[in-house]
Amino acid sequence: MNRRSWLKQFAGGAAALLGLLLPRWVRAAEPQVDLKAMRKQLEQGLRVTTDAQRAYIDRVVTLVGQKKLSATLVYALFKWARKRYPRFPFIYFRRALDLMAKKQGITI
């Protein structure tokens, strides 16, 4: 067996192994989200006061549950909005999330 054929076999085996394991790694990287806890955290952390704001949060949580919207994105914008304007963070959260969702082709 020469070096070139050995290298081809090694590369083929490594690619096959990566193809088998990659879907498991990707699934493991997706965070498991407790939707009730997320809803409560968003409502309290963003100081939601009106029914329209609660309906918006419900829609966001529903989209996260359907895997159409990333929980990581929602939590990142949640933290950013609270830091940006602590008194009324919901306004910033909604605006930023609408823009990011629009880029992904999602309407909230």
Foldseek 3Di string as FASTA:
>chain_A
DDPVVVVVVVVVVVVVVCVVCVVVVVVVPQDDDDLVVQLVCLCVQQVDDDPVLSVVSVVVSVCVVVVVDGPVVLVVLSVVLCVVDVVHSSVSSVVVVQVVCVVVVDHD
